[in-house]
């Protein structure tokens, strides 16, 4: 099974390589640096990642 990586919608201009990428893996979310994808990943439980993203959106005043 090939991992489907997605880039942030807030990626910089050009190739959009100045961001992180995420991939869903079972009940976890994998995170990697798009500039250095072969340097490893961080994996966190999906609910923890959702809470993190929700907190960031709330901090910016956006709906979660």
N, C-alpha and C. Protein backbone atom coordinates (compact mmCIF):
# COMPACT_ATOMS: atom_id res chain seq x y z
N UNK A 1 0.84 -1.18 0.00
CA UNK A 1 0.00 0.00 0.00
C UNK A 1 0.89 1.25 0.00
N UNK A 2 0.65 2.14 -0.92
CA UNK A 2 1.40 3.38 -1.04
C UNK A 2 0.81 4.43 -0.11
N UNK A 3 1.66 5.11 0.62
CA UNK A 3 1.22 6.18 1.51
C UNK A 3 0.88 7.41 0.69
N UNK A 4 -0.28 7.98 0.94
CA UNK A 4 -0.73 9.19 0.26
C UNK A 4 -0.43 10.40 1.15
N UNK A 5 0.62 11.13 0.82
CA UNK A 5 1.00 12.32 1.58
C UNK A 5 0.24 13.52 1.06
N UNK A 6 -0.19 14.41 1.97
CA UNK A 6 -0.88 15.65 1.62
C UNK A 6 -0.12 16.83 2.20
N UNK A 7 0.02 17.87 1.41
CA UNK A 7 0.69 19.08 1.88
C UNK A 7 -0.32 20.03 2.50
N UNK A 8 0.16 20.86 3.39
CA UNK A 8 -0.66 21.85 4.04
C UNK A 8 -1.26 22.81 3.00
N UNK A 9 -2.47 23.26 3.26
CA UNK A 9 -3.09 24.25 2.38
C UNK A 9 -2.43 25.61 2.55
N UNK A 10 -1.55 25.76 3.56
CA UNK A 10 -0.83 27.00 3.80
C UNK A 10 0.60 26.94 3.27
N UNK A 11 0.87 26.02 2.35
CA UNK A 11 2.22 25.90 1.79
C UNK A 11 2.63 27.19 1.12
N UNK A 12 3.94 27.43 1.12
CA UNK A 12 4.47 28.63 0.46
C UNK A 12 4.27 28.55 -1.04
N UNK A 13 4.64 29.60 -1.74
CA UNK A 13 4.50 29.66 -3.19
C UNK A 13 5.45 28.71 -3.90
N UNK A 14 5.48 28.79 -5.18
CA UNK A 14 6.36 27.94 -5.99
C UNK A 14 5.95 26.49 -5.92
N UNK A 15 6.89 25.64 -5.59
CA UNK A 15 6.63 24.21 -5.51
C UNK A 15 5.86 23.83 -4.24
N UNK A 16 5.71 24.76 -3.31
CA UNK A 16 5.01 24.46 -2.07
C UNK A 16 5.77 23.52 -1.17
N UNK A 17 7.10 23.59 -1.21
CA UNK A 17 7.92 22.67 -0.43
C UNK A 17 8.28 23.18 0.95
N UNK A 18 7.80 24.34 1.35
CA UNK A 18 8.13 24.89 2.66
C UNK A 18 7.01 24.59 3.65
N UNK A 19 6.77 23.33 3.89
CA UNK A 19 5.68 22.97 4.77
C UNK A 19 5.88 21.55 5.30
N UNK A 20 4.90 21.10 6.02
CA UNK A 20 4.88 19.71 6.44
C UNK A 20 3.85 18.98 5.60
N UNK A 21 4.00 17.67 5.57
CA UNK A 21 3.04 16.81 4.89
C UNK A 21 2.49 15.83 5.92
N UNK A 22 1.25 15.41 5.71
CA UNK A 22 0.66 14.42 6.60
C UNK A 22 0.12 13.25 5.78
N UNK A 23 0.04 12.11 6.45
CA UNK A 23 -0.55 10.92 5.84
C UNK A 23 -1.29 10.15 6.91
N UNK A 24 -2.44 9.60 6.54
CA UNK A 24 -3.20 8.78 7.47
C UNK A 24 -2.67 7.36 7.42
N UNK A 25 -2.38 6.81 8.59
CA UNK A 25 -1.89 5.43 8.71
C UNK A 25 -2.67 4.75 9.82
N UNK A 26 -3.62 3.93 9.44
CA UNK A 26 -4.49 3.26 10.41
C UNK A 26 -5.10 4.29 11.35
N UNK A 27 -4.81 4.20 12.64
CA UNK A 27 -5.40 5.13 13.61
C UNK A 27 -4.41 6.23 14.00
N UNK A 28 -3.38 6.43 13.17
CA UNK A 28 -2.35 7.41 13.47
C UNK A 28 -2.18 8.37 12.29
N UNK A 29 -1.57 9.51 12.57
CA UNK A 29 -1.23 10.48 11.53
C UNK A 29 0.29 10.58 11.48
N UNK A 30 0.84 10.40 10.29
CA UNK A 30 2.28 10.54 10.08
C UNK A 30 2.55 11.95 9.58
N UNK A 31 3.63 12.55 10.07
CA UNK A 31 3.99 13.92 9.72
C UNK A 31 5.45 13.92 9.29
N UNK A 32 5.75 14.63 8.18
CA UNK A 32 7.14 14.73 7.73
C UNK A 32 7.40 16.11 7.15
N UNK A 33 8.66 16.46 7.07
CA UNK A 33 9.11 17.72 6.49
C UNK A 33 9.15 17.55 4.97
N UNK A 34 8.42 18.37 4.24
CA UNK A 34 8.36 18.22 2.79
C UNK A 34 9.70 18.52 2.11
N UNK A 35 10.56 19.29 2.78
CA UNK A 35 11.88 19.59 2.20
C UNK A 35 12.83 18.41 2.33
N UNK A 36 12.61 17.56 3.34
CA UNK A 36 13.47 16.41 3.61
C UNK A 36 12.63 15.17 3.93
N UNK A 37 11.84 14.70 2.99
CA UNK A 37 10.91 13.60 3.29
C UNK A 37 11.59 12.29 3.68
N UNK A 38 12.84 12.10 3.31
CA UNK A 38 13.51 10.85 3.64
C UNK A 38 14.16 10.88 5.02
N UNK A 39 14.06 11.99 5.73
CA UNK A 39 14.70 12.12 7.04
C UNK A 39 13.82 11.63 8.18
N UNK A 40 12.79 10.90 7.91
CA UNK A 40 11.96 10.32 8.96
C UNK A 40 10.62 11.01 9.12
N UNK A 41 9.80 10.37 9.93
CA UNK A 41 8.45 10.88 10.19
C UNK A 41 8.16 10.85 11.68
N UNK A 42 7.19 11.62 12.06
CA UNK A 42 6.64 11.63 13.40
C UNK A 42 5.25 11.05 13.27
N UNK A 43 4.88 10.15 14.15
CA UNK A 43 3.57 9.53 14.09
C UNK A 43 2.84 9.76 15.42
N UNK A 44 1.61 10.26 15.33
CA UNK A 44 0.83 10.54 16.53
C UNK A 44 -0.57 9.94 16.37
N UNK A 45 -1.25 9.64 17.49
CA UNK A 45 -2.62 9.14 17.40
C UNK A 45 -3.52 10.17 16.71
N UNK A 46 -4.41 9.70 15.87
CA UNK A 46 -5.30 10.60 15.12
C UNK A 46 -6.09 11.55 16.02
N UNK A 47 -6.65 11.10 17.15
CA UNK A 47 -7.39 12.05 18.00
C UNK A 47 -6.49 13.17 18.55
N UNK A 48 -5.24 12.86 18.87
CA UNK A 48 -4.32 13.88 19.37
C UNK A 48 -4.02 14.90 18.27
N UNK A 49 -3.85 14.43 17.04
CA UNK A 49 -3.57 15.33 15.92
C UNK A 49 -4.79 16.23 15.67
N UNK A 50 -5.98 15.66 15.72
CA UNK A 50 -7.20 16.44 15.51
C UNK A 50 -7.35 17.52 16.58
N UNK A 51 -7.02 17.19 17.83
CA UNK A 51 -7.09 18.18 18.91
C UNK A 51 -6.06 19.29 18.69
N UNK A 52 -4.88 18.92 18.24
CA UNK A 52 -3.83 19.90 17.95
C UNK A 52 -4.27 20.86 16.85
N UNK A 53 -4.77 20.34 15.75
CA UNK A 53 -5.22 21.19 14.64
C UNK A 53 -6.39 22.06 15.09
N UNK A 54 -7.32 21.48 15.86
CA UNK A 54 -8.45 22.25 16.36
C UNK A 54 -8.01 23.41 17.24
N UNK A 55 -7.01 23.18 18.09
CA UNK A 55 -6.49 24.24 18.96
C UNK A 55 -5.83 25.34 18.13
N UNK A 56 -5.11 24.97 17.07
CA UNK A 56 -4.50 25.98 16.21
C UNK A 56 -5.55 26.82 15.52
N UNK A 57 -6.60 26.17 15.02
CA UNK A 57 -7.66 26.92 14.36
C UNK A 57 -8.36 27.85 15.33
N UNK A 58 -8.61 27.37 16.54
CA UNK A 58 -9.27 28.20 17.56
C UNK A 58 -8.40 29.41 17.90
N UNK A 59 -7.12 29.20 17.99
CA UNK A 59 -6.19 30.28 18.29
C UNK A 59 -6.23 31.36 17.21
N UNK A 60 -6.46 30.94 15.97
CA UNK A 60 -6.52 31.88 14.84
C UNK A 60 -7.92 32.45 14.65
N UNK A 61 -8.88 32.00 15.47
CA UNK A 61 -10.23 32.49 15.37
C UNK A 61 -11.02 31.87 14.23
N UNK A 62 -10.57 30.71 13.76
CA UNK A 62 -11.27 30.01 12.68
C UNK A 62 -12.10 28.89 13.29
N UNK A 63 -13.19 28.51 12.61
CA UNK A 63 -13.98 27.38 13.12
C UNK A 63 -13.18 26.09 13.06
N UNK A 64 -13.28 25.28 14.09
CA UNK A 64 -12.53 24.02 14.16
C UNK A 64 -13.08 22.94 13.29
